[in-house]
PDB file of N, CA and C in Angstrom:
ATOM      1  N   MET A   1       0.833  -1.173   0.000  1.00  0.00           N
ATOM      2  CA  MET A   1       0.000   0.000   0.000  1.00  0.00           C
ATOM      3  C   MET A   1       0.886   1.247   0.000  1.00  0.00           C
ATOM      4  N   PRO A   2       0.501   2.267  -0.757  1.00  0.00           N
ATOM      5  CA  PRO A   2       1.266   3.507  -0.720  1.00  0.00           C
ATOM      6  C   PRO A   2       1.176   4.155   0.663  1.00  0.00           C
ATOM      7  N   SER A   3       2.204   4.891   1.016  1.00  0.00           N
ATOM      8  CA  SER A   3       2.269   5.469   2.360  1.00  0.00           C
ATOM      9  C   SER A   3       1.145   6.476   2.613  1.00  0.00           C
ATOM     10  N   SER A   4       0.713   7.201   1.577  1.00  0.00           N
ATOM     11  CA  SER A   4      -0.359   8.177   1.775  1.00  0.00           C
ATOM     12  C   SER A   4      -1.670   7.485   2.150  1.00  0.00           C
ATOM     13  N   VAL A   5      -1.925   6.325   1.563  1.00  0.00           N
ATOM     14  CA  VAL A   5      -3.137   5.577   1.886  1.00  0.00           C
ATOM     15  C   VAL A   5      -3.070   5.061   3.316  1.00  0.00           C
ATOM     16  N   ILE A   6      -1.910   4.606   3.740  1.00  0.00           N
ATOM     17  CA  ILE A   6      -1.735   4.118   5.107  1.00  0.00           C
ATOM     18  C   ILE A   6      -1.945   5.255   6.097  1.00  0.00           C
ATOM     19  N   GLN A   7      -1.376   6.428   5.800  1.00  0.00           N
ATOM     20  CA  GLN A   7      -1.547   7.568   6.698  1.00  0.00           C
ATOM     21  C   GLN A   7      -3.013   7.979   6.795  1.00  0.00           C
ATOM     22  N   GLN A   8      -3.730   7.953   5.662  1.00  0.00           N
ATOM     23  CA  GLN A   8      -5.148   8.302   5.692  1.00  0.00           C
ATOM     24  C   GLN A   8      -5.924   7.293   6.523  1.00  0.00           C
ATOM     25  N   HIS A   9      -5.582   6.013   6.379  1.00  0.00           N
ATOM     26  CA  HIS A   9      -6.268   4.969   7.138  1.00  0.00           C
ATOM     27  C   HIS A   9      -6.009   5.139   8.638  1.00  0.00           C
ATOM     28  N   ILE A  10      -4.758   5.407   8.994  1.00  0.00           N
ATOM     29  CA  ILE A  10      -4.417   5.599  10.405  1.00  0.00           C
ATOM     30  C   ILE A  10      -5.150   6.808  10.954  1.00  0.00           C
ATOM     31  N   HIS A  11      -5.175   7.900  10.184  1.00  0.00           N
ATOM     32  CA  HIS A  11      -5.850   9.117  10.634  1.00  0.00           C
ATOM     33  C   HIS A  11      -7.355   8.881  10.777  1.00  0.00           C
ATOM     34  N   ALA A  12      -7.934   8.119   9.862  1.00  0.00           N
ATOM     35  CA  ALA A  12      -9.382   7.866   9.902  1.00  0.00           C
ATOM     36  C   ALA A  12      -9.760   6.978  11.083  1.00  0.00           C
ATOM     37  N   THR A  13      -8.876   6.069  11.497  1.00  0.00           N
ATOM     38  CA  THR A  13      -9.199   5.171  12.597  1.00  0.00           C
ATOM     39  C   THR A  13      -8.671   5.656  13.932  1.00  0.00           C
ATOM     40  N   ASP A  14      -7.971   6.772  13.948  1.00  0.00           N
ATOM     41  CA  ASP A  14      -7.416   7.323  15.173  1.00  0.00           C
ATOM     42  C   ASP A  14      -8.536   7.906  16.027  1.00  0.00           C
ATOM     43  N   PRO A  15      -8.774   7.354  17.234  1.00  0.00           N
ATOM     44  CA  PRO A  15      -9.872   7.863  18.053  1.00  0.00           C
ATOM     45  C   PRO A  15      -9.667   9.303  18.509  1.00  0.00           C
ATOM     46  N   SER A  16      -8.428   9.742  18.634  1.00  0.00           N
ATOM     47  CA  SER A  16      -8.193  11.121  19.077  1.00  0.00           C
ATOM     48  C   SER A  16      -8.657  12.126  18.026  1.00  0.00           C
ATOM     49  N   SER A  17      -8.608  11.761  16.731  1.00  0.00           N
ATOM     50  CA  SER A  17      -9.077  12.685  15.699  1.00  0.00           C
ATOM     51  C   SER A  17     -10.592  12.857  15.778  1.00  0.00           C
ATOM     52  N   SER A  18     -11.318  11.778  16.104  1.00  0.00           N
ATOM     53  CA  SER A  18     -12.769  11.908  16.218  1.00  0.00           C
ATOM     54  C   SER A  18     -13.142  12.702  17.473  1.00  0.00           C
ATOM     55  N   ILE A  19     -12.347  12.577  18.517  1.00  0.00           N
ATOM     56  CA  ILE A  19     -12.611  13.353  19.731  1.00  0.00           C
ATOM     57  C   ILE A  19     -12.408  14.832  19.458  1.00  0.00           C
ATOM     58  N   SER A  20     -11.324  15.165  18.773  1.00  0.00           N
ATOM     59  CA  SER A  20     -11.086  16.580  18.493  1.00  0.00           C
ATOM     60  C   SER A  20     -12.147  17.123  17.541  1.00  0.00           C
ATOM     61  N   ARG A  21     -12.591  16.311  16.582  1.00  0.00           N
ATOM     62  CA  ARG A  21     -13.657  16.736  15.671  1.00  0.00           C
ATOM     63  C   ARG A  21     -14.953  16.949  16.437  1.00  0.00           C
ATOM     64  N   ARG A  22     -15.232  16.045  17.367  1.00  0.00           N
ATOM     65  CA  ARG A  22     -16.438  16.163  18.180  1.00  0.00           C
ATOM     66  C   ARG A  22     -16.370  17.417  19.050  1.00  0.00           C
ATOM     67  N   LYS A  23     -15.201  17.696  19.643  1.00  0.00           N
ATOM     68  CA  LYS A  23     -15.036  18.890  20.464  1.00  0.00           C
ATOM     69  C   LYS A  23     -15.229  20.141  19.621  1.00  0.00           C
ATOM     70  N   LYS A  24     -14.701  20.127  18.396  1.00  0.00           N
ATOM     71  CA  LYS A  24     -14.864  21.269  17.504  1.00  0.00           C
ATOM     72  C   LYS A  24     -16.340  21.483  17.193  1.00  0.00           C
ATOM     73  N   CYS A  25     -17.075  20.403  16.955  1.00  0.00           N
ATOM     74  CA  CYS A  25     -18.498  20.517  16.649  1.00  0.00           C
ATOM     75  C   CYS A  25     -19.283  21.046  17.838  1.00  0.00           C
ATOM     76  N   THR A  26     -18.954  20.603  19.042  1.00  0.00           N
ATOM     77  CA  THR A  26     -19.680  21.105  20.210  1.00  0.00           C
ATOM     78  C   THR A  26     -19.352  22.573  20.459  1.00  0.00           C
ATOM     79  N   ASP A  27     -18.120  22.978  20.175  1.00  0.00           N
ATOM     80  CA  ASP A  27     -17.778  24.398  20.309  1.00  0.00           C
ATOM     81  C   ASP A  27     -18.524  25.241  19.287  1.00  0.00           C
ATOM     82  N   ASP A  28     -18.786  24.686  18.122  1.00  0.00           N
ATOM     83  CA  ASP A  28     -19.481  25.421  17.065  1.00  0.00           C
ATOM     84  C   ASP A  28     -20.995  25.405  17.223  1.00  0.00           C
ATOM     85  N   MET A  29     -21.519  24.592  18.124  1.00  0.00           N
ATOM     86  CA  MET A  29     -22.970  24.480  18.287  1.00  0.00           C
ATOM     87  C   MET A  29     -23.634  25.816  18.583  1.00  0.00           C
ATOM     88  N   VAL A  30     -22.968  26.664  19.334  1.00  0.00           N
ATOM     89  CA  VAL A  30     -23.570  27.935  19.736  1.00  0.00           C
ATOM     90  C   VAL A  30     -23.932  28.796  18.527  1.00  0.00           C
ATOM     91  N   TRP A  31     -23.237  28.623  17.419  1.00  0.00           N
ATOM     92  CA  TRP A  31     -23.526  29.406  16.216  1.00  0.00           C
ATOM     93  C   TRP A  31     -24.821  28.969  15.545  1.00  0.00           C
ATOM     94  N   PHE A  32     -25.359  27.819  15.953  1.00  0.00           N
ATOM     95  CA  PHE A  32     -26.523  27.262  15.273  1.00  0.00           C
ATOM     96  C   PHE A  32     -27.722  27.055  16.188  1.00  0.00           C
ATOM     97  N   ILE A  33     -27.693  27.551  17.416  1.00  0.00           N
ATOM     98  CA  ILE A  33     -28.798  27.265  18.333  1.00  0.00           C
ATOM     99  C   ILE A  33     -30.071  28.017  17.984  1.00  0.00           C
ATOM    100  N   HIS A  34     -29.999  28.978  17.085  1.00  0.00           N
ATOM    101  CA  HIS A  34     -31.218  29.673  16.648  1.00  0.00           C
ATOM    102  C   HIS A  34     -31.956  28.864  15.576  1.00  0.00           C
ATOM    103  N   LEU A  35     -31.306  27.837  15.034  1.00  0.00           N
ATOM    104  CA  LEU A  35     -31.910  26.984  14.006  1.00  0.00           C
ATOM    105  C   LEU A  35     -32.584  25.778  14.646  1.00  0.00           C
ATOM    106  N   PRO A  36     -33.567  25.190  13.963  1.00  0.00           N
ATOM    107  CA  PRO A  36     -34.103  23.909  14.439  1.00  0.00           C
ATOM    108  C   PRO A  36     -32.981  22.863  14.498  1.00  0.00           C
ATOM    109  N   MET A  37     -33.131  21.898  15.373  1.00  0.00           N
ATOM    110  CA  MET A  37     -32.064  20.935  15.614  1.00  0.00           C
ATOM    111  C   MET A  37     -31.631  20.190  14.352  1.00  0.00           C
ATOM    112  N   HIS A  38     -32.577  19.809  13.508  1.00  0.00           N
ATOM    113  CA  HIS A  38     -32.200  19.040  12.317  1.00  0.00           C
ATOM    114  C   HIS A  38     -31.366  19.890  11.356  1.00  0.00           C
ATOM    115  N   GLN A  39     -31.640  21.190  11.276  1.00  0.00           N
ATOM    116  CA  GLN A  39     -30.831  22.069  10.422  1.00  0.00           C
ATOM    117  C   GLN A  39     -29.454  22.298  11.035  1.00  0.00           C
ATOM    118  N   ALA A  40     -29.399  22.443  12.352  1.00  0.00           N
ATOM    119  CA  ALA A  40     -28.109  22.607  13.030  1.00  0.00           C
ATOM    120  C   ALA A  40     -27.261  21.352  12.875  1.00  0.00           C
ATOM    121  N   ALA A  41     -27.901  20.191  12.990  1.00  0.00           N
ATOM    122  CA  ALA A  41     -27.172  18.930  12.840  1.00  0.00           C
ATOM    123  C   ALA A  41     -26.588  18.814  11.439  1.00  0.00           C
ATOM    124  N   LYS A  42     -27.362  19.173  10.454  1.00  0.00           N
ATOM    125  CA  LYS A  42     -26.891  19.113   9.067  1.00  0.00           C
ATOM    126  C   LYS A  42     -25.716  20.072   8.861  1.00  0.00           C
ATOM    127  N   ALA A  43     -25.823  21.280   9.403  1.00  0.00           N
ATOM    128  CA  ALA A  43     -24.754  22.272   9.244  1.00  0.00           C
ATOM    129  C   ALA A  43     -23.474  21.841   9.959  1.00  0.00           C
ATOM    130  N   LEU A  44     -23.619  21.137  11.086  1.00  0.00           N
ATOM    131  CA  LEU A  44     -22.460  20.694  11.855  1.00  0.00           C
ATOM    132  C   LEU A  44     -21.917  19.347  11.398  1.00  0.00           C
ATOM    133  N   GLY A  45     -22.671  18.657  10.554  1.00  0.00           N
ATOM    134  CA  GLY A  45     -22.234  17.336  10.116  1.00  0.00           C
ATOM    135  C   GLY A  45     -22.414  16.288  11.201  1.00  0.00           C
ATOM    136  N   MET A  46     -23.432  16.469  12.026  1.00  0.00           N
ATOM    137  CA  MET A  46     -23.724  15.544  13.119  1.00  0.00           C
ATOM    138  C   MET A  46     -25.155  15.042  12.957  1.00  0.00           C
ATOM    139  N   SER A  47     -25.488  14.039  13.725  1.00  0.00           N
ATOM    140  CA  SER A  47     -26.877  13.587  13.742  1.00  0.00           C
ATOM    141  C   SER A  47     -27.611  14.316  14.859  1.00  0.00           C
ATOM    142  N   CYS A  48     -28.941  14.320  14.775  1.00  0.00           N
ATOM    143  CA  CYS A  48     -29.747  14.936  15.834  1.00  0.00           C
ATOM    144  C   CYS A  48     -29.523  14.215  17.160  1.00  0.00           C
ATOM    145  N   ALA A  49     -29.382  12.903  17.094  1.00  0.00           N
ATOM    146  CA  ALA A  49     -29.155  12.126  18.312  1.00  0.00           C
ATOM    147  C   ALA A  49     -27.844  12.519  18.977  1.00  0.00           C
ATOM    148  N   MET A  50     -26.832  12.783  18.180  1.00  0.00           N
ATOM    149  CA  MET A  50     -25.534  13.194  18.721  1.00  0.00           C
ATOM    150  C   MET A  50     -25.644  14.561  19.406  1.00  0.00           C
ATOM    151  N   ILE A  51     -26.393  15.473  18.789  1.00  0.00           N
ATOM    152  CA  ILE A  51     -26.584  16.786  19.399  1.00  0.00           C
ATOM    153  C   ILE A  51     -27.359  16.640  20.711  1.00  0.00           C
ATOM    154  N   GLN A  52     -28.428  15.843  20.701  1.00  0.00           N
ATOM    155  CA  GLN A  52     -29.204  15.633  21.925  1.00  0.00           C
ATOM    156  C   GLN A  52     -28.335  15.027  23.021  1.00  0.00           C
ATOM    157  N   ARG A  53     -27.548  14.024  22.671  1.00  0.00           N
ATOM    158  CA  ARG A  53     -26.686  13.367  23.644  1.00  0.00           C
ATOM    159  C   ARG A  53     -25.687  14.359  24.236  1.00  0.00           C
ATOM    160  N   THR A  54     -25.086  15.169  23.371  1.00  0.00           N
ATOM    161  CA  THR A  54     -24.112  16.160  23.825  1.00  0.00           C
ATOM    162  C   THR A  54     -24.766  17.185  24.740  1.00  0.00           C
ATOM    163  N   CYS A  55     -25.923  17.672  24.340  1.00  0.00           N
ATOM    164  CA  CYS A  55     -26.630  18.670  25.156  1.00  0.00           C
ATOM    165  C   CYS A  55     -27.021  18.094  26.513  1.00  0.00           C
ATOM    166  N   ARG A  56     -27.599  16.927  26.518  1.00  0.00           N
ATOM    167  CA  ARG A  56     -28.067  16.339  27.777  1.00  0.00           C
ATOM    168  C   ARG A  56     -26.904  16.006  28.705  1.00  0.00           C
ATOM    169  N   SER A  57     -25.784  15.576  28.121  1.00  0.00           N
ATOM    170  CA  SER A  57     -24.627  15.270  28.975  1.00  0.00           C
ATOM    171  C   SER A  57     -24.024  16.540  29.568  1.00  0.00           C
ATOM    172  N   ASN A  58     -24.326  17.696  28.968  1.00  0.00           N
ATOM    173  CA  ASN A  58     -23.824  18.967  29.478  1.00  0.00           C
ATOM    174  C   ASN A  58     -24.881  19.753  30.254  1.00  0.00           C
ATOM    175  N   GLY A  59     -26.028  19.136  30.532  1.00  0.00           N
ATOM    176  CA  GLY A  59     -27.044  19.772  31.367  1.00  0.00           C
ATOM    177  C   GLY A  59     -28.060  20.613  30.612  1.00  0.00           C
ATOM    178  N   ILE A  60     -28.091  20.525  29.294  1.00  0.00           N
ATOM    179  CA  ILE A  60     -29.075  21.261  28.495  1.00  0.00           C
ATOM    180  C   ILE A  60     -30.171  20.278  28.119  1.00  0.00           C
ATOM    181  N   GLN A  61     -31.364  20.480  28.648  1.00  0.00           N
ATOM    182  CA  GLN A  61     -32.435  19.512  28.446  1.00  0.00           C
ATOM    183  C   GLN A  61     -33.187  19.713  27.134  1.00  0.00           C
ATOM    184  N   ARG A  62     -33.254  20.963  26.648  1.00  0.00           N
ATOM    185  CA  ARG A  62     -34.011  21.247  25.421  1.00  0.00           C
ATOM    186  C   ARG A  62     -33.168  22.083  24.478  1.00  0.00           C
ATOM    187  N   TRP A  63     -33.304  21.823  23.193  1.00  0.00           N
ATOM    188  CA  TRP A  63     -32.640  22.626  22.171  1.00  0.00           C
ATOM    189  C   TRP A  63     -33.333  23.999  22.154  1.00  0.00           C
ATOM    190  N   PRO A  64     -32.589  25.103  22.266  1.00  0.00           N
ATOM    191  CA  PRO A  64     -33.196  26.417  22.535  1.00  0.00           C
ATOM    192  C   PRO A  64     -33.748  27.179  21.331  1.00  0.00           C
ATOM    193  N   SER A  65     -33.831  26.605  20.162  1.00  0.00           N
ATOM    194  CA  SER A  65     -34.232  27.386  18.979  1.00  0.00           C
ATOM    195  C   SER A  65     -35.651  27.939  19.078  1.00  0.00           C
ATOM    196  N   ARG A  66     -36.568  27.180  19.650  1.00  0.00           N
ATOM    197  CA  ARG A  66     -37.956  27.664  19.737  1.00  0.00           C
ATOM    198  C   ARG A  66     -38.064  28.841  20.708  1.00  0.00           C
ATOM    199  N   LYS A  67     -37.355  28.772  21.807  1.00  0.00           N
ATOM    200  CA  LYS A  67     -37.368  29.867  22.776  1.00  0.00           C
ATOM    201  C   LYS A  67     -36.741  31.123  22.168  1.00  0.00           C
ATOM    202  N   ILE A  68     -35.630  30.948  21.460  1.00  0.00           N
ATOM    203  CA  ILE A  68     -34.974  32.083  20.809  1.00  0.00           C
ATOM    204  C   ILE A  68     -35.887  32.684  19.745  1.00  0.00           C
ATOM    205  N   GLY A  69     -36.555  31.839  18.973  1.00  0.00           N
ATOM    206  CA  GLY A  69     -37.486  32.318  17.954  1.00  0.00           C
ATOM    207  C   GLY A  69     -38.643  33.107  18.555  1.00  0.00           C
ATOM    208  N   ALA A  70     -39.174  32.613  19.677  1.00  0.00           N
ATOM    209  CA  ALA A  70     -40.277  33.312  20.344  1.00  0.00           C
ATOM    210  C   ALA A  70     -39.814  34.678  20.855  1.00  0.00           C
ATOM    211  N   LEU A  71     -38.623  34.719  21.447  1.00  0.00           N
ATOM    212  CA  LEU A  71     -38.091  35.997  21.927  1.00  0.00           C
ATOM    213  C   LEU A  71     -37.835  36.949  20.766  1.00  0.00           C
ATOM    214  N   ASP A  72     -37.308  36.430  19.659  1.00  0.00           N
ATOM    215  CA  ASP A  72     -37.059  37.271  18.480  1.00  0.00           C
ATOM    216  C   ASP A  72     -38.348  37.893  17.959  1.00  0.00           C
ATOM    217  N   ARG A  73     -39.428  37.090  17.925  1.00  0.00           N
ATOM    218  CA  ARG A  73     -40.707  37.620  17.449  1.00  0.00           C
ATOM    219  C   ARG A  73     -41.245  38.708  18.376  1.00  0.00           C
ATOM    220  N   LYS A  74     -41.130  38.490  19.695  1.00  0.00           N
ATOM    221  CA  LYS A  74     -41.586  39.503  20.649  1.00  0.00           C
ATOM    222  C   LYS A  74     -40.761  40.780  20.526  1.00  0.00           C
ATOM    223  N   ILE A  75     -39.450  40.630  20.374  1.00  0.00           N
ATOM    224  CA  ILE A  75     -38.567  41.797  20.239  1.00  0.00           C
ATOM    225  C   ILE A  75     -38.905  42.566  18.969  1.00  0.00           C
ATOM    226  N   LEU A  76     -39.113  41.855  17.876  1.00  0.00           N
ATOM    227  CA  LEU A  76     -39.445  42.500  16.605  1.00  0.00           C
ATOM    228  C   LEU A  76     -40.769  43.255  16.703  1.00  0.00           C
ATOM    229  N   LYS A  77     -41.761  42.641  17.365  1.00  0.00           N
ATOM    230  CA  LYS A  77     -43.060  43.295  17.536  1.00  0.00           C
ATOM    231  C   LYS A  77     -42.918  44.573  18.359  1.00  0.00           C
ATOM    232  N   LEU A  78     -42.126  44.504  19.426  1.00  0.00           N
ATOM    233  CA  LEU A  78     -41.891  45.700  20.237  1.00  0.00           C
ATOM    234  C   LEU A  78     -41.168  46.782  19.444  1.00  0.00           C
ATOM    235  N   GLU A  79     -40.180  46.377  18.647  1.00  0.00           N
ATOM    236  CA  GLU A  79     -39.436  47.357  17.857  1.00  0.00           C
ATOM    237  C   GLU A  79     -40.333  48.060  16.846  1.00  0.00           C
ATOM    238  N   LYS A  80     -41.266  47.319  16.265  1.00  0.00           N
ATOM    239  CA  LYS A  80     -42.194  47.935  15.311  1.00  0.00           C
ATOM    240  C   LYS A  80     -43.121  48.933  16.001  1.00  0.00           C
ATOM    241  N   ASN A  81     -43.607  48.560  17.183  1.00  0.00           N
ATOM    242  CA  ASN A  81     -44.570  49.402  17.894  1.00  0.00           C
ATOM    243  C   ASN A  81     -43.928  50.521  18.705  1.00  0.00           C
ATOM    244  N   MET A  82     -42.654  50.401  18.979  1.00  0.00           N
ATOM    245  CA  MET A  82     -41.995  51.360  19.840  1.00  0.00           C
ATOM    246  C   MET A  82     -41.950  52.769  19.233  1.00  0.00           C
ATOM    247  N   PHE A  83     -41.892  52.842  17.937  1.00  0.00           N
ATOM    248  CA  PHE A  83     -41.713  54.137  17.293  1.00  0.00           C
ATOM    249  C   PHE A  83     -43.005  54.741  16.764  1.00  0.00           C
ATOM    250  N   LEU A  84     -44.124  54.113  17.072  1.00  0.00           N
ATOM    251  CA  LEU A  84     -45.418  54.710  16.760  1.00  0.00           C
ATOM    252  C   LEU A  84     -45.683  55.839  17.750  1.00  0.00           C
ATOM    253  N   PRO A  85     -46.485  56.815  17.357  1.00  0.00           N
ATOM    254  CA  PRO A  85     -46.766  57.919  18.285  1.00  0.00           C
ATOM    255  C   PRO A  85     -47.510  57.409  19.532  1.00  0.00           C
ATOM    256  N   ARG A  86     -46.871  57.546  20.670  1.00  0.00           N
ATOM    257  CA  ARG A  86     -47.453  57.102  21.940  1.00  0.00           C
ATOM    258  C   ARG A  86     -47.027  58.082  23.027  1.00  0.00           C
ATOM    259  N   ASP A  87     -47.676  57.935  24.169  1.00  0.00           N
ATOM    260  CA  ASP A  87     -47.243  58.786  25.285  1.00  0.00           C
ATOM    261  C   ASP A  87     -45.938  58.249  25.883  1.00  0.00           C
ATOM    262  N   ARG A  88     -45.288  59.068  26.633  1.00  0.00           N
ATOM    263  CA  ARG A  88     -43.963  58.768  27.162  1.00  0.00           C
ATOM    264  C   ARG A  88     -43.966  57.540  28.086  1.00  0.00           C
ATOM    265  N   VAL A  89     -45.005  57.362  28.881  1.00  0.00           N
ATOM    266  CA  VAL A  89     -45.078  56.243  29.832  1.00  0.00           C
ATOM    267  C   VAL A  89     -45.125  54.914  29.093  1.00  0.00           C
ATOM    268  N   LYS A  90     -45.972  54.814  28.065  1.00  0.00           N
ATOM    269  CA  LYS A  90     -46.068  53.576  27.290  1.00  0.00           C
ATOM    270  C   LYS A  90     -44.746  53.270  26.599  1.00  0.00           C
ATOM    271  N   ARG A  91     -44.133  54.288  26.035  1.00  0.00           N
ATOM    272  CA  ARG A  91     -42.863  54.089  25.344  1.00  0.00           C
ATOM    273  C   ARG A  91     -41.779  53.612  26.314  1.00  0.00           C
ATOM    274  N   THR A  92     -41.777  54.155  27.521  1.00  0.00           N
ATOM    275  CA  THR A  92     -40.798  53.735  28.534  1.00  0.00           C
ATOM    276  C   THR A  92     -41.030  52.286  28.943  1.00  0.00           C
ATOM    277  N   LYS A  93     -42.289  51.905  29.113  1.00  0.00           N
ATOM    278  CA  LYS A  93     -42.607  50.506  29.451  1.00  0.00           C
ATOM    279  C   LYS A  93     -42.174  49.563  28.328  1.00  0.00           C
ATOM    280  N   MET A  94     -42.420  49.972  27.089  1.00  0.00           N
ATOM    281  CA  MET A  94     -42.024  49.147  25.946  1.00  0.00           C
ATOM    282  C   MET A  94     -40.506  49.016  25.867  1.00  0.00           C
ATOM    283  N   LEU A  95     -39.807  50.094  26.146  1.00  0.00           N
ATOM    284  CA  LEU A  95     -38.346  50.050  26.129  1.00  0.00           C
ATOM    285  C   LEU A  95     -37.816  49.138  27.227  1.00  0.00           C
ATOM    286  N   ASP A  96     -38.425  49.193  28.402  1.00  0.00           N
ATOM    287  CA  ASP A  96     -38.026  48.301  29.498  1.00  0.00           C
ATOM    288  C   ASP A  96     -38.277  46.844  29.133  1.00  0.00           C
ATOM    289  N   GLU A  97     -39.421  46.568  28.527  1.00  0.00           N
ATOM    290  CA  GLU A  97     -39.744  45.206  28.089  1.00  0.00           C
ATOM    291  C   GLU A  97     -38.760  44.735  27.024  1.00  0.00           C
ATOM    292  N   TRP A  98     -38.405  45.621  26.099  1.00  0.00           N
ATOM    293  CA  TRP A  98     -37.439  45.291  25.039  1.00  0.00           C
ATOM    294  C   TRP A  98     -36.083  44.938  25.649  1.00  0.00           C
ATOM    295  N   LYS A  99     -35.647  45.720  26.638  1.00  0.00           N
ATOM    296  CA  LYS A  99     -34.373  45.439  27.308  1.00  0.00           C
ATOM    297  C   LYS A  99     -34.414  44.094  28.022  1.00  0.00           C
ATOM    298  N   LYS A 100     -35.540  43.818  28.689  1.00  0.00           N
ATOM    299  CA  LYS A 100     -35.689  42.550  29.419  1.00  0.00           C
ATOM    300  C   LYS A 100     -35.625  41.357  28.458  1.00  0.00           C
ATOM    301  N   LEU A 101     -36.335  41.444  27.345  1.00  0.00           N
ATOM    302  CA  LEU A 101     -36.340  40.351  26.374  1.00  0.00           C
ATOM    303  C   LEU A 101     -34.964  40.179  25.718  1.00  0.00           C
ATOM    304  N   SER A 102     -34.313  41.278  25.416  1.00  0.00           N
ATOM    305  CA  SER A 102     -32.976  41.204  24.817  1.00  0.00           C
ATOM    306  C   SER A 102     -31.985  40.568  25.787  1.00  0.00           C
ATOM    307  N   ARG A 103     -32.098  40.933  27.060  1.00  0.00           N
ATOM    308  CA  ARG A 103     -31.239  40.340  28.085  1.00  0.00           C
ATOM    309  C   ARG A 103     -31.509  38.848  28.220  1.00  0.00           C
ATOM    310  N   GLU A 104     -32.776  38.468  28.191  1.00  0.00           N
ATOM    311  CA  GLU A 104     -33.155  37.054  28.295  1.00  0.00           C
ATOM    312  C   GLU A 104     -32.586  36.252  27.124  1.00  0.00           C
ATOM    313  N   ARG A 105     -32.642  36.846  25.932  1.00  0.00           N
ATOM    314  CA  ARG A 105     -32.089  36.184  24.741  1.00  0.00           C
ATOM    315  C   ARG A 105     -30.580  36.009  24.888  1.00  0.00           C
ATOM    316  N   MET A 106     -29.903  37.043  25.356  1.00  0.00           N
ATOM    317  CA  MET A 106     -28.459  36.959  25.551  1.00  0.00           C
ATOM    318  C   MET A 106     -28.108  35.932  26.628  1.00  0.00           C
ATOM    319  N   ASP A 107     -28.938  35.846  27.656  1.00  0.00           N
ATOM    320  CA  ASP A 107     -28.698  34.864  28.718  1.00  0.00           C
ATOM    321  C   ASP A 107     -28.781  33.434  28.194  1.00  0.00           C
ATOM    322  N   ILE A 108     -29.682  33.187  27.257  1.00  0.00           N
ATOM    323  CA  ILE A 108     -29.786  31.849  26.667  1.00  0.00           C
ATOM    324  C   ILE A 108     -28.474  31.494  25.971  1.00  0.00           C
ATOM    325  N   TYR A 109     -27.947  32.421  25.186  1.00  0.00           N
ATOM    326  CA  TYR A 109     -26.679  32.172  24.504  1.00  0.00           C
ATOM    327  C   TYR A 109     -25.531  31.973  25.502  1.00  0.00           C
ATOM    328  N   CYS A 110     -25.457  32.844  26.503  1.00  0.00           N
ATOM    329  CA  CYS A 110     -24.373  32.745  27.485  1.00  0.00           C
ATOM    330  C   CYS A 110     -24.470  31.445  28.290  1.00  0.00           C
ATOM    331  N   ASN A 111     -25.669  31.071  28.679  1.00  0.00           N
ATOM    332  CA  ASN A 111     -25.868  29.826  29.424  1.00  0.00           C
ATOM    333  C   ASN A 111     -25.470  28.631  28.569  1.00  0.00           C
ATOM    334  N   PHE A 112     -25.867  28.632  27.312  1.00  0.00           N
ATOM    335  CA  PHE A 112     -25.524  27.541  26.414  1.00  0.00           C
ATOM    336  C   PHE A 112     -24.000  27.431  26.272  1.00  0.00           C
ATOM    337  N   MET A 113     -23.343  28.584  26.083  1.00  0.00           N
ATOM    338  CA  MET A 113     -21.889  28.588  25.910  1.00  0.00           C
ATOM    339  C   MET A 113     -21.180  28.105  27.175  1.00  0.00           C
ATOM    340  N   SER A 114     -21.688  28.473  28.332  1.00  0.00           N
ATOM    341  CA  SER A 114     -21.023  28.066  29.574  1.00  0.00           C
ATOM    342  C   SER A 114     -21.185  26.572  29.849  1.00  0.00           C
ATOM    343  N   LEU A 115     -22.303  25.994  29.407  1.00  0.00           N
ATOM    344  CA  LEU A 115     -22.530  24.573  29.656  1.00  0.00           C
ATOM    345  C   LEU A 115     -21.827  23.678  28.648  1.00  0.00           C
ATOM    346  N   ILE A 116     -21.676  24.138  27.430  1.00  0.00           N
ATOM    347  CA  ILE A 116     -21.005  23.333  26.406  1.00  0.00           C
ATOM    348  C   ILE A 116     -19.557  23.588  26.506  1.00  0.00           C
TER     349      ILE A 116
END
């Protein structure tokens, strides 16, 4: 066998290469948590079961895309309504709600990153 084929075979069967690839994929997961799990799995080159297993072993019980999507919709609705002519009190309440939702969205990302 040519040496290049042997090296490829050794690299393909080396368990440390799959561990480093798996670690790279888990580090990259945060970039895809706004997507449904099946789309994130496809983008990462993993199966949905692998993502679920990784998340559950790190203390994440649910894939956060639906929660992020719901927060995004609420934030967008507030942003649209915030600049309509309103009294100062309503606008202040809307701004406070917008800040709270934005903080909650950021907390989801930070929590996910800290657990993975």
